[in-house]
Amino acid sequence: MSDASREATYHEDGFIVIKDSMIDVPPISCDVCNFFIKSSADVQAWKEYKCCKECAITWVEGPNKKKWIDTAWRPSKKAIKQEVEKRSKIVPRLKL
């Protein structure tokens, strides 16, 4: 990590944010569905496809992979909304 790749932002509240342009940091939420990036599988999918793992499984893997990568194809807003509604109804398993 060289000093040339680092950018410091000084905030008036007294803290400094240092960003290294050499490091690709995933966003807090998926650019496609807006669900949180919450697992290492989501981070890996984001690095490869710029979306969470669920979006990668649903839309990228399979016949859409080439157009997703080559032409930045994304599903329609209606399809995304339907998928988000479906996912919202799924109750996560709790492990005790």
PDB file of N, CA and C in Angstrom:
ATOM      1  N   MET A   1       0.854  -1.163   0.000  1.00  0.00           N
ATOM      2  CA  MET A   1       0.000   0.000   0.000  1.00  0.00           C
ATOM      3  C   MET A   1       0.902   1.229   0.000  1.00  0.00           C
ATOM      4  N   SER A   2       0.916   1.934  -1.088  1.00  0.00           N
ATOM      5  CA  SER A   2       1.757   3.118  -1.189  1.00  0.00           C
ATOM      6  C   SER A   2       0.966   4.357  -0.811  1.00  0.00           C
ATOM      7  N   ASP A   3       1.684   5.402  -0.449  1.00  0.00           N
ATOM      8  CA  ASP A   3       1.034   6.653  -0.084  1.00  0.00           C
ATOM      9  C   ASP A   3       0.311   7.278  -1.268  1.00  0.00           C
ATOM     10  N   ALA A   4       0.752   6.990  -2.484  1.00  0.00           N
ATOM     11  CA  ALA A   4       0.122   7.562  -3.676  1.00  0.00           C
ATOM     12  C   ALA A   4      -1.279   6.996  -3.899  1.00  0.00           C
ATOM     13  N   SER A   5      -1.548   5.787  -3.399  1.00  0.00           N
ATOM     14  CA  SER A   5      -2.858   5.176  -3.606  1.00  0.00           C
ATOM     15  C   SER A   5      -3.834   5.516  -2.478  1.00  0.00           C
ATOM     16  N   ARG A   6      -3.379   6.282  -1.489  1.00  0.00           N
ATOM     17  CA  ARG A   6      -4.215   6.606  -0.336  1.00  0.00           C
ATOM     18  C   ARG A   6      -4.712   8.039  -0.398  1.00  0.00           C
ATOM     19  N   GLU A   7      -5.982   8.202  -0.029  1.00  0.00           N
ATOM     20  CA  GLU A   7      -6.591   9.528  -0.011  1.00  0.00           C
ATOM     21  C   GLU A   7      -7.200   9.757   1.366  1.00  0.00           C
ATOM     22  N   ALA A   8      -6.850  10.849   1.997  1.00  0.00           N
ATOM     23  CA  ALA A   8      -7.363  11.153   3.333  1.00  0.00           C
ATOM     24  C   ALA A   8      -8.426  12.247   3.245  1.00  0.00           C
ATOM     25  N   THR A   9      -9.509  12.040   3.976  1.00  0.00           N
ATOM     26  CA  THR A   9     -10.559  13.042   4.089  1.00  0.00           C
ATOM     27  C   THR A   9     -10.660  13.440   5.555  1.00  0.00           C
ATOM     28  N   TYR A  10     -10.469  14.712   5.830  1.00  0.00           N
ATOM     29  CA  TYR A  10     -10.517  15.226   7.193  1.00  0.00           C
ATOM     30  C   TYR A  10     -11.907  15.798   7.455  1.00  0.00           C
ATOM     31  N   HIS A  11     -12.584  15.282   8.474  1.00  0.00           N
ATOM     32  CA  HIS A  11     -13.924  15.746   8.815  1.00  0.00           C
ATOM     33  C   HIS A  11     -13.858  16.749   9.951  1.00  0.00           C
ATOM     34  N   GLU A  12     -14.788  17.684   9.927  1.00  0.00           N
ATOM     35  CA  GLU A  12     -14.806  18.735  10.946  1.00  0.00           C
ATOM     36  C   GLU A  12     -15.094  18.202  12.346  1.00  0.00           C
ATOM     37  N   ASP A  13     -15.643  16.999  12.449  1.00  0.00           N
ATOM     38  CA  ASP A  13     -15.913  16.388  13.756  1.00  0.00           C
ATOM     39  C   ASP A  13     -14.657  15.788  14.386  1.00  0.00           C
ATOM     40  N   GLY A  14     -13.529  15.852  13.680  1.00  0.00           N
ATOM     41  CA  GLY A  14     -12.271  15.439  14.261  1.00  0.00           C
ATOM     42  C   GLY A  14     -11.772  14.059  13.874  1.00  0.00           C
ATOM     43  N   PHE A  15     -12.396  13.414  12.899  1.00  0.00           N
ATOM     44  CA  PHE A  15     -11.883  12.110  12.482  1.00  0.00           C
ATOM     45  C   PHE A  15     -11.428  12.168  11.027  1.00  0.00           C
ATOM     46  N   ILE A  16     -10.613  11.204  10.668  1.00  0.00           N
ATOM     47  CA  ILE A  16     -10.032  11.128   9.331  1.00  0.00           C
ATOM     48  C   ILE A  16     -10.459   9.808   8.698  1.00  0.00           C
ATOM     49  N   VAL A  17     -10.866   9.850   7.428  1.00  0.00           N
ATOM     50  CA  VAL A  17     -11.167   8.639   6.673  1.00  0.00           C
ATOM     51  C   VAL A  17     -10.072   8.488   5.630  1.00  0.00           C
ATOM     52  N   ILE A  18      -9.384   7.349   5.663  1.00  0.00           N
ATOM     53  CA  ILE A  18      -8.324   7.091   4.694  1.00  0.00           C
ATOM     54  C   ILE A  18      -8.790   5.987   3.769  1.00  0.00           C
ATOM     55  N   LYS A  19      -8.846   6.296   2.484  1.00  0.00           N
ATOM     56  CA  LYS A  19      -9.292   5.332   1.485  1.00  0.00           C
ATOM     57  C   LYS A  19      -8.106   4.963   0.600  1.00  0.00           C
ATOM     58  N   ASP A  20      -7.925   3.670   0.415  1.00  0.00           N
ATOM     59  CA  ASP A  20      -6.869   3.173  -0.461  1.00  0.00           C
ATOM     60  C   ASP A  20      -7.505   2.769  -1.780  1.00  0.00           C
ATOM     61  N   SER A  21      -7.127   3.432  -2.854  1.00  0.00           N
ATOM     62  CA  SER A  21      -7.721   3.148  -4.161  1.00  0.00           C
ATOM     63  C   SER A  21      -7.307   1.792  -4.716  1.00  0.00           C
ATOM     64  N   MET A  22      -6.320   1.155  -4.098  1.00  0.00           N
ATOM     65  CA  MET A  22      -5.885  -0.165  -4.553  1.00  0.00           C
ATOM     66  C   MET A  22      -6.784  -1.277  -4.005  1.00  0.00           C
ATOM     67  N   ILE A  23      -7.617  -0.959  -3.012  1.00  0.00           N
ATOM     68  CA  ILE A  23      -8.490  -1.949  -2.392  1.00  0.00           C
ATOM     69  C   ILE A  23      -9.917  -1.728  -2.867  1.00  0.00           C
ATOM     70  N   ASP A  24     -10.543  -2.774  -3.382  1.00  0.00           N
ATOM     71  CA  ASP A  24     -11.907  -2.714  -3.880  1.00  0.00           C
ATOM     72  C   ASP A  24     -12.851  -3.147  -2.756  1.00  0.00           C
ATOM     73  N   VAL A  25     -13.501  -2.206  -2.112  1.00  0.00           N
ATOM     74  CA  VAL A  25     -14.362  -2.478  -0.966  1.00  0.00           C
ATOM     75  C   VAL A  25     -15.802  -2.660  -1.440  1.00  0.00           C
ATOM     76  N   PRO A  26     -16.447  -3.759  -1.044  1.00  0.00           N
ATOM     77  CA  PRO A  26     -17.836  -3.960  -1.448  1.00  0.00           C
ATOM     78  C   PRO A  26     -18.761  -2.963  -0.764  1.00  0.00           C
ATOM     79  N   PRO A  27     -19.892  -2.673  -1.384  1.00  0.00           N
ATOM     80  CA  PRO A  27     -20.849  -1.750  -0.763  1.00  0.00           C
ATOM     81  C   PRO A  27     -21.570  -2.430   0.397  1.00  0.00           C
ATOM     82  N   ILE A  28     -22.361  -1.674   1.120  1.00  0.00           N
ATOM     83  CA  ILE A  28     -23.138  -2.223   2.230  1.00  0.00           C
ATOM     84  C   ILE A  28     -24.281  -3.080   1.708  1.00  0.00           C
ATOM     85  N   SER A  29     -24.864  -2.673   0.580  1.00  0.00           N
ATOM     86  CA  SER A  29     -25.992  -3.422   0.031  1.00  0.00           C
ATOM     87  C   SER A  29     -25.776  -3.725  -1.451  1.00  0.00           C
ATOM     88  N   CYS A  30     -26.492  -4.729  -1.914  1.00  0.00           N
ATOM     89  CA  CYS A  30     -26.409  -5.164  -3.309  1.00  0.00           C
ATOM     90  C   CYS A  30     -26.946  -4.077  -4.236  1.00  0.00           C
ATOM     91  N   ASP A  31     -26.251  -3.817  -5.320  1.00  0.00           N
ATOM     92  CA  ASP A  31     -26.682  -2.808  -6.290  1.00  0.00           C
ATOM     93  C   ASP A  31     -27.958  -3.226  -7.026  1.00  0.00           C
ATOM     94  N   VAL A  32     -28.260  -4.506  -7.041  1.00  0.00           N
ATOM     95  CA  VAL A  32     -29.424  -4.999  -7.774  1.00  0.00           C
ATOM     96  C   VAL A  32     -30.665  -5.036  -6.876  1.00  0.00           C
ATOM     97  N   CYS A  33     -30.580  -5.741  -5.748  1.00  0.00           N
ATOM     98  CA  CYS A  33     -31.766  -5.975  -4.918  1.00  0.00           C
ATOM     99  C   CYS A  33     -31.822  -5.125  -3.643  1.00  0.00           C
ATOM    100  N   ASN A  34     -30.742  -4.469  -3.301  1.00  0.00           N
ATOM    101  CA  ASN A  34     -30.620  -3.637  -2.095  1.00  0.00           C
ATOM    102  C   ASN A  34     -30.617  -4.416  -0.785  1.00  0.00           C
ATOM    103  N   PHE A  35     -30.488  -5.750  -0.815  1.00  0.00           N
ATOM    104  CA  PHE A  35     -30.310  -6.517   0.415  1.00  0.00           C
ATOM    105  C   PHE A  35     -28.872  -6.296   0.892  1.00  0.00           C
ATOM    106  N   PHE A  36     -28.649  -6.440   2.202  1.00  0.00           N
ATOM    107  CA  PHE A  36     -27.317  -6.249   2.744  1.00  0.00           C
ATOM    108  C   PHE A  36     -26.337  -7.288   2.220  1.00  0.00           C
ATOM    109  N   ILE A  37     -25.102  -6.856   1.987  1.00  0.00           N
ATOM    110  CA  ILE A  37     -23.994  -7.769   1.711  1.00  0.00           C
ATOM    111  C   ILE A  37     -23.564  -8.262   3.091  1.00  0.00           C
ATOM    112  N   LYS A  38     -23.889  -9.529   3.417  1.00  0.00           N
ATOM    113  CA  LYS A  38     -23.717  -9.964   4.799  1.00  0.00           C
ATOM    114  C   LYS A  38     -22.846 -11.197   4.997  1.00  0.00           C
ATOM    115  N   SER A  39     -22.425 -11.825   3.938  1.00  0.00           N
ATOM    116  CA  SER A  39     -21.621 -13.041   4.105  1.00  0.00           C
ATOM    117  C   SER A  39     -20.413 -13.005   3.169  1.00  0.00           C
ATOM    118  N   SER A  40     -19.500 -13.912   3.419  1.00  0.00           N
ATOM    119  CA  SER A  40     -18.331 -13.996   2.542  1.00  0.00           C
ATOM    120  C   SER A  40     -18.743 -14.433   1.135  1.00  0.00           C
ATOM    121  N   ALA A  41     -19.821 -15.212   1.025  1.00  0.00           N
ATOM    122  CA  ALA A  41     -20.333 -15.607  -0.297  1.00  0.00           C
ATOM    123  C   ALA A  41     -20.863 -14.386  -1.055  1.00  0.00           C
ATOM    124  N   ASP A  42     -21.515 -13.467  -0.331  1.00  0.00           N
ATOM    125  CA  ASP A  42     -21.979 -12.226  -0.953  1.00  0.00           C
ATOM    126  C   ASP A  42     -20.802 -11.381  -1.431  1.00  0.00           C
ATOM    127  N   VAL A  43     -19.761 -11.304  -0.628  1.00  0.00           N
ATOM    128  CA  VAL A  43     -18.570 -10.527  -1.006  1.00  0.00           C
ATOM    129  C   VAL A  43     -17.926 -11.136  -2.238  1.00  0.00           C
ATOM    130  N   GLN A  44     -17.813 -12.455  -2.283  1.00  0.00           N
ATOM    131  CA  GLN A  44     -17.224 -13.125  -3.445  1.00  0.00           C
ATOM    132  C   GLN A  44     -18.055 -12.876  -4.700  1.00  0.00           C
ATOM    133  N   ALA A  45     -19.374 -12.971  -4.578  1.00  0.00           N
ATOM    134  CA  ALA A  45     -20.254 -12.703  -5.726  1.00  0.00           C
ATOM    135  C   ALA A  45     -20.126 -11.250  -6.174  1.00  0.00           C
ATOM    136  N   TRP A  46     -20.008 -10.331  -5.198  1.00  0.00           N
ATOM    137  CA  TRP A  46     -19.852  -8.928  -5.556  1.00  0.00           C
ATOM    138  C   TRP A  46     -18.549  -8.695  -6.321  1.00  0.00           C
ATOM    139  N   LYS A  47     -17.466  -9.338  -5.871  1.00  0.00           N
ATOM    140  CA  LYS A  47     -16.188  -9.188  -6.567  1.00  0.00           C
ATOM    141  C   LYS A  47     -16.269  -9.690  -8.001  1.00  0.00           C
ATOM    142  N   GLU A  48     -17.023 -10.751  -8.210  1.00  0.00           N
ATOM    143  CA  GLU A  48     -17.115 -11.350  -9.536  1.00  0.00           C
ATOM    144  C   GLU A  48     -18.190 -10.708 -10.414  1.00  0.00           C
ATOM    145  N   TYR A  49     -19.368 -10.420  -9.828  1.00  0.00           N
ATOM    146  CA  TYR A  49     -20.523  -9.971 -10.625  1.00  0.00           C
ATOM    147  C   TYR A  49     -21.113  -8.625 -10.216  1.00  0.00           C
ATOM    148  N   LYS A  50     -20.604  -8.025  -9.144  1.00  0.00           N
ATOM    149  CA  LYS A  50     -21.137  -6.755  -8.612  1.00  0.00           C
ATOM    150  C   LYS A  50     -22.576  -6.892  -8.141  1.00  0.00           C
ATOM    151  N   CYS A  51     -22.867  -8.021  -7.477  1.00  0.00           N
ATOM    152  CA  CYS A  51     -24.181  -8.248  -6.868  1.00  0.00           C
ATOM    153  C   CYS A  51     -24.017  -9.268  -5.744  1.00  0.00           C
ATOM    154  N   CYS A  52     -25.079  -9.449  -4.934  1.00  0.00           N
ATOM    155  CA  CYS A  52     -25.026 -10.432  -3.846  1.00  0.00           C
ATOM    156  C   CYS A  52     -25.123 -11.854  -4.406  1.00  0.00           C
ATOM    157  N   LYS A  53     -24.892 -12.829  -3.548  1.00  0.00           N
ATOM    158  CA  LYS A  53     -24.917 -14.234  -3.965  1.00  0.00           C
ATOM    159  C   LYS A  53     -26.300 -14.649  -4.472  1.00  0.00           C
ATOM    160  N   GLU A  54     -27.365 -14.199  -3.811  1.00  0.00           N
ATOM    161  CA  GLU A  54     -28.719 -14.561  -4.246  1.00  0.00           C
ATOM    162  C   GLU A  54     -29.006 -14.022  -5.652  1.00  0.00           C
ATOM    163  N   CYS A  55     -28.605 -12.796  -5.938  1.00  0.00           N
ATOM    164  CA  CYS A  55     -28.796 -12.244  -7.288  1.00  0.00           C
ATOM    165  C   CYS A  55     -27.942 -12.997  -8.297  1.00  0.00           C
ATOM    166  N   ALA A  56     -26.738 -13.376  -7.889  1.00  0.00           N
ATOM    167  CA  ALA A  56     -25.864 -14.142  -8.782  1.00  0.00           C
ATOM    168  C   ALA A  56     -26.506 -15.474  -9.135  1.00  0.00           C
ATOM    169  N   ILE A  57     -27.062 -16.161  -8.139  1.00  0.00           N
ATOM    170  CA  ILE A  57     -27.720 -17.442  -8.396  1.00  0.00           C
ATOM    171  C   ILE A  57     -28.959 -17.248  -9.259  1.00  0.00           C
ATOM    172  N   THR A  58     -29.756 -16.235  -8.925  1.00  0.00           N
ATOM    173  CA  THR A  58     -31.027 -16.016  -9.609  1.00  0.00           C
ATOM    174  C   THR A  58     -30.855 -15.531 -11.039  1.00  0.00           C
ATOM    175  N   TRP A  59     -29.949 -14.568 -11.263  1.00  0.00           N
ATOM    176  CA  TRP A  59     -29.887 -13.933 -12.573  1.00  0.00           C
ATOM    177  C   TRP A  59     -28.596 -14.113 -13.356  1.00  0.00           C
ATOM    178  N   VAL A  60     -27.480 -14.299 -12.685  1.00  0.00           N
ATOM    179  CA  VAL A  60     -26.213 -14.326 -13.417  1.00  0.00           C
ATOM    180  C   VAL A  60     -25.850 -15.722 -13.899  1.00  0.00           C
ATOM    181  N   GLU A  61     -25.844 -16.673 -12.984  1.00  0.00           N
ATOM    182  CA  GLU A  61     -25.392 -18.007 -13.335  1.00  0.00           C
ATOM    183  C   GLU A  61     -26.363 -18.649 -14.321  1.00  0.00           C
ATOM    184  N   GLY A  62     -25.814 -19.268 -15.314  1.00  0.00           N
ATOM    185  CA  GLY A  62     -26.648 -19.885 -16.349  1.00  0.00           C
ATOM    186  C   GLY A  62     -26.622 -19.077 -17.631  1.00  0.00           C
ATOM    187  N   PRO A  63     -27.750 -19.018 -18.325  1.00  0.00           N
ATOM    188  CA  PRO A  63     -27.777 -18.397 -19.657  1.00  0.00           C
ATOM    189  C   PRO A  63     -27.540 -16.890 -19.674  1.00  0.00           C
ATOM    190  N   ASN A  64     -27.711 -16.203 -18.543  1.00  0.00           N
ATOM    191  CA  ASN A  64     -27.541 -14.748 -18.514  1.00  0.00           C
ATOM    192  C   ASN A  64     -26.120 -14.292 -18.237  1.00  0.00           C
ATOM    193  N   LYS A  65     -25.228 -15.218 -17.908  1.00  0.00           N
ATOM    194  CA  LYS A  65     -23.884 -14.845 -17.465  1.00  0.00           C
ATOM    195  C   LYS A  65     -23.137 -14.011 -18.508  1.00  0.00           C
ATOM    196  N   LYS A  66     -23.172 -14.434 -19.750  1.00  0.00           N
ATOM    197  CA  LYS A  66     -22.441 -13.712 -20.793  1.00  0.00           C
ATOM    198  C   LYS A  66     -22.969 -12.288 -20.964  1.00  0.00           C
ATOM    199  N   LYS A  67     -24.293 -12.131 -21.032  1.00  0.00           N
ATOM    200  CA  LYS A  67     -24.824 -10.776 -21.225  1.00  0.00           C
ATOM    201  C   LYS A  67     -24.692  -9.928 -19.958  1.00  0.00           C
ATOM    202  N   TRP A  68     -24.688 -10.558 -18.773  1.00  0.00           N
ATOM    203  CA  TRP A  68     -24.470  -9.823 -17.521  1.00  0.00           C
ATOM    204  C   TRP A  68     -23.077  -9.198 -17.529  1.00  0.00           C
ATOM    205  N   ILE A  69     -22.094  -9.981 -17.940  1.00  0.00           N
ATOM    206  CA  ILE A  69     -20.705  -9.514 -17.937  1.00  0.00           C
ATOM    207  C   ILE A  69     -20.402  -8.624 -19.137  1.00  0.00           C
ATOM    208  N   ASP A  70     -20.819  -9.048 -20.331  1.00  0.00           N
ATOM    209  CA  ASP A  70     -20.448  -8.330 -21.552  1.00  0.00           C
ATOM    210  C   ASP A  70     -21.229  -7.030 -21.767  1.00  0.00           C
ATOM    211  N   THR A  71     -22.525  -7.045 -21.465  1.00  0.00           N
ATOM    212  CA  THR A  71     -23.345  -5.872 -21.785  1.00  0.00           C
ATOM    213  C   THR A  71     -23.968  -5.216 -20.567  1.00  0.00           C
ATOM    214  N   ALA A  72     -23.598  -5.680 -19.362  1.00  0.00           N
ATOM    215  CA  ALA A  72     -24.141  -5.136 -18.109  1.00  0.00           C
ATOM    216  C   ALA A  72     -25.658  -5.263 -18.041  1.00  0.00           C
ATOM    217  N   TRP A  73     -26.187  -6.358 -18.616  1.00  0.00           N
ATOM    218  CA  TRP A  73     -27.624  -6.621 -18.547  1.00  0.00           C
ATOM    219  C   TRP A  73     -28.058  -6.772 -17.098  1.00  0.00           C
ATOM    220  N   ARG A  74     -29.222  -6.247 -16.760  1.00  0.00           N
ATOM    221  CA  ARG A  74     -29.829  -6.425 -15.449  1.00  0.00           C
ATOM    222  C   ARG A  74     -31.307  -6.750 -15.650  1.00  0.00           C
ATOM    223  N   PRO A  75     -31.921  -7.481 -14.713  1.00  0.00           N
ATOM    224  CA  PRO A  75     -33.346  -7.793 -14.836  1.00  0.00           C
ATOM    225  C   PRO A  75     -34.190  -6.526 -14.709  1.00  0.00           C
ATOM    226  N   SER A  76     -35.434  -6.625 -15.126  1.00  0.00           N
ATOM    227  CA  SER A  76     -36.332  -5.469 -15.045  1.00  0.00           C
ATOM    228  C   SER A  76     -36.632  -5.133 -13.587  1.00  0.00           C
ATOM    229  N   LYS A  77     -37.052  -3.901 -13.356  1.00  0.00           N
ATOM    230  CA  LYS A  77     -37.401  -3.480 -12.004  1.00  0.00           C
ATOM    231  C   LYS A  77     -38.538  -4.345 -11.454  1.00  0.00           C
ATOM    232  N   LYS A  78     -39.450  -4.740 -12.318  1.00  0.00           N
ATOM    233  CA  LYS A  78     -40.572  -5.583 -11.907  1.00  0.00           C
ATOM    234  C   LYS A  78     -40.067  -6.955 -11.439  1.00  0.00           C
ATOM    235  N   ALA A  79     -39.146  -7.541 -12.186  1.00  0.00           N
ATOM    236  CA  ALA A  79     -38.590  -8.845 -11.817  1.00  0.00           C
ATOM    237  C   ALA A  79     -37.821  -8.757 -10.498  1.00  0.00           C
ATOM    238  N   ILE A  80     -37.079  -7.667 -10.314  1.00  0.00           N
ATOM    239  CA  ILE A  80     -36.332  -7.470  -9.072  1.00  0.00           C
ATOM    240  C   ILE A  80     -37.306  -7.330  -7.905  1.00  0.00           C
ATOM    241  N   LYS A  81     -38.365  -6.542  -8.093  1.00  0.00           N
ATOM    242  CA  LYS A  81     -39.358  -6.346  -7.033  1.00  0.00           C
ATOM    243  C   LYS A  81     -40.002  -7.674  -6.637  1.00  0.00           C
ATOM    244  N   GLN A  82     -40.348  -8.501  -7.619  1.00  0.00           N
ATOM    245  CA  GLN A  82     -40.950  -9.804  -7.330  1.00  0.00           C
ATOM    246  C   GLN A  82     -39.981 -10.697  -6.555  1.00  0.00           C
ATOM    247  N   GLU A  83     -38.720 -10.685  -6.942  1.00  0.00           N
ATOM    248  CA  GLU A  83     -37.707 -11.490  -6.251  1.00  0.00           C
ATOM    249  C   GLU A  83     -37.510 -11.007  -4.816  1.00  0.00           C
ATOM    250  N   VAL A  84     -37.476  -9.695  -4.610  1.00  0.00           N
ATOM    251  CA  VAL A  84     -37.316  -9.128  -3.273  1.00  0.00           C
ATOM    252  C   VAL A  84     -38.503  -9.512  -2.392  1.00  0.00           C
ATOM    253  N   GLU A  85     -39.713  -9.455  -2.944  1.00  0.00           N
ATOM    254  CA  GLU A  85     -40.902  -9.851  -2.181  1.00  0.00           C
ATOM    255  C   GLU A  85     -40.828 -11.325  -1.799  1.00  0.00           C
ATOM    256  N   LYS A  86     -40.377 -12.160  -2.725  1.00  0.00           N
ATOM    257  CA  LYS A  86     -40.251 -13.593  -2.450  1.00  0.00           C
ATOM    258  C   LYS A  86     -39.225 -13.838  -1.345  1.00  0.00           C
ATOM    259  N   ARG A  87     -38.079 -13.191  -1.441  1.00  0.00           N
ATOM    260  CA  ARG A  87     -37.026 -13.369  -0.433  1.00  0.00           C
ATOM    261  C   ARG A  87     -37.463 -12.859   0.931  1.00  0.00           C
ATOM    262  N   SER A  88     -38.254 -11.790   0.944  1.00  0.00           N
ATOM    263  CA  SER A  88     -38.691 -11.199   2.208  1.00  0.00           C
ATOM    264  C   SER A  88     -39.607 -12.137   2.987  1.00  0.00           C
ATOM    265  N   LYS A  89     -40.259 -13.058   2.309  1.00  0.00           N
ATOM    266  CA  LYS A  89     -41.176 -13.991   2.952  1.00  0.00           C
ATOM    267  C   LYS A  89     -40.465 -15.217   3.516  1.00  0.00           C
ATOM    268  N   ILE A  90     -39.230 -15.423   3.150  1.00  0.00           N
ATOM    269  CA  ILE A  90     -38.474 -16.572   3.612  1.00  0.00           C
ATOM    270  C   ILE A  90     -37.956 -16.299   5.029  1.00  0.00           C
ATOM    271  N   VAL A  91     -38.261 -17.189   5.929  1.00  0.00           N
ATOM    272  CA  VAL A  91     -37.815 -17.051   7.313  1.00  0.00           C
ATOM    273  C   VAL A  91     -36.456 -17.730   7.446  1.00  0.00           C
ATOM    274  N   PRO A  92     -35.445 -17.003   7.880  1.00  0.00           N
ATOM    275  CA  PRO A  92     -34.109 -17.629   8.025  1.00  0.00           C
ATOM    276  C   PRO A  92     -34.123 -18.653   9.153  1.00  0.00           C
ATOM    277  N   ARG A  93     -33.352 -19.686   8.980  1.00  0.00           N
ATOM    278  CA  ARG A  93     -33.223 -20.706  10.020  1.00  0.00           C
ATOM    279  C   ARG A  93     -32.322 -20.181  11.124  1.00  0.00           C
ATOM    280  N   LEU A  94     -32.776 -20.354  12.330  1.00  0.00           N
ATOM    281  CA  LEU A  94     -31.978 -19.940  13.474  1.00  0.00           C
ATOM    282  C   LEU A  94     -31.213 -21.137  13.995  1.00  0.00           C
ATOM    283  N   LYS A  95     -29.936 -20.965  14.185  1.00  0.00           N
ATOM    284  CA  LYS A  95     -29.103 -22.035  14.750  1.00  0.00           C
ATOM    285  C   LYS A  95     -28.794 -21.684  16.195  1.00  0.00           C
ATOM    286  N   LEU A  96     -29.142 -22.581  17.067  1.00  0.00           N
ATOM    287  CA  LEU A  96     -28.898 -22.350  18.500  1.00  0.00           C
ATOM    288  C   LEU A  96     -27.786 -23.223  18.997  1.00  0.00           C
TER     289      LEU A  96
END
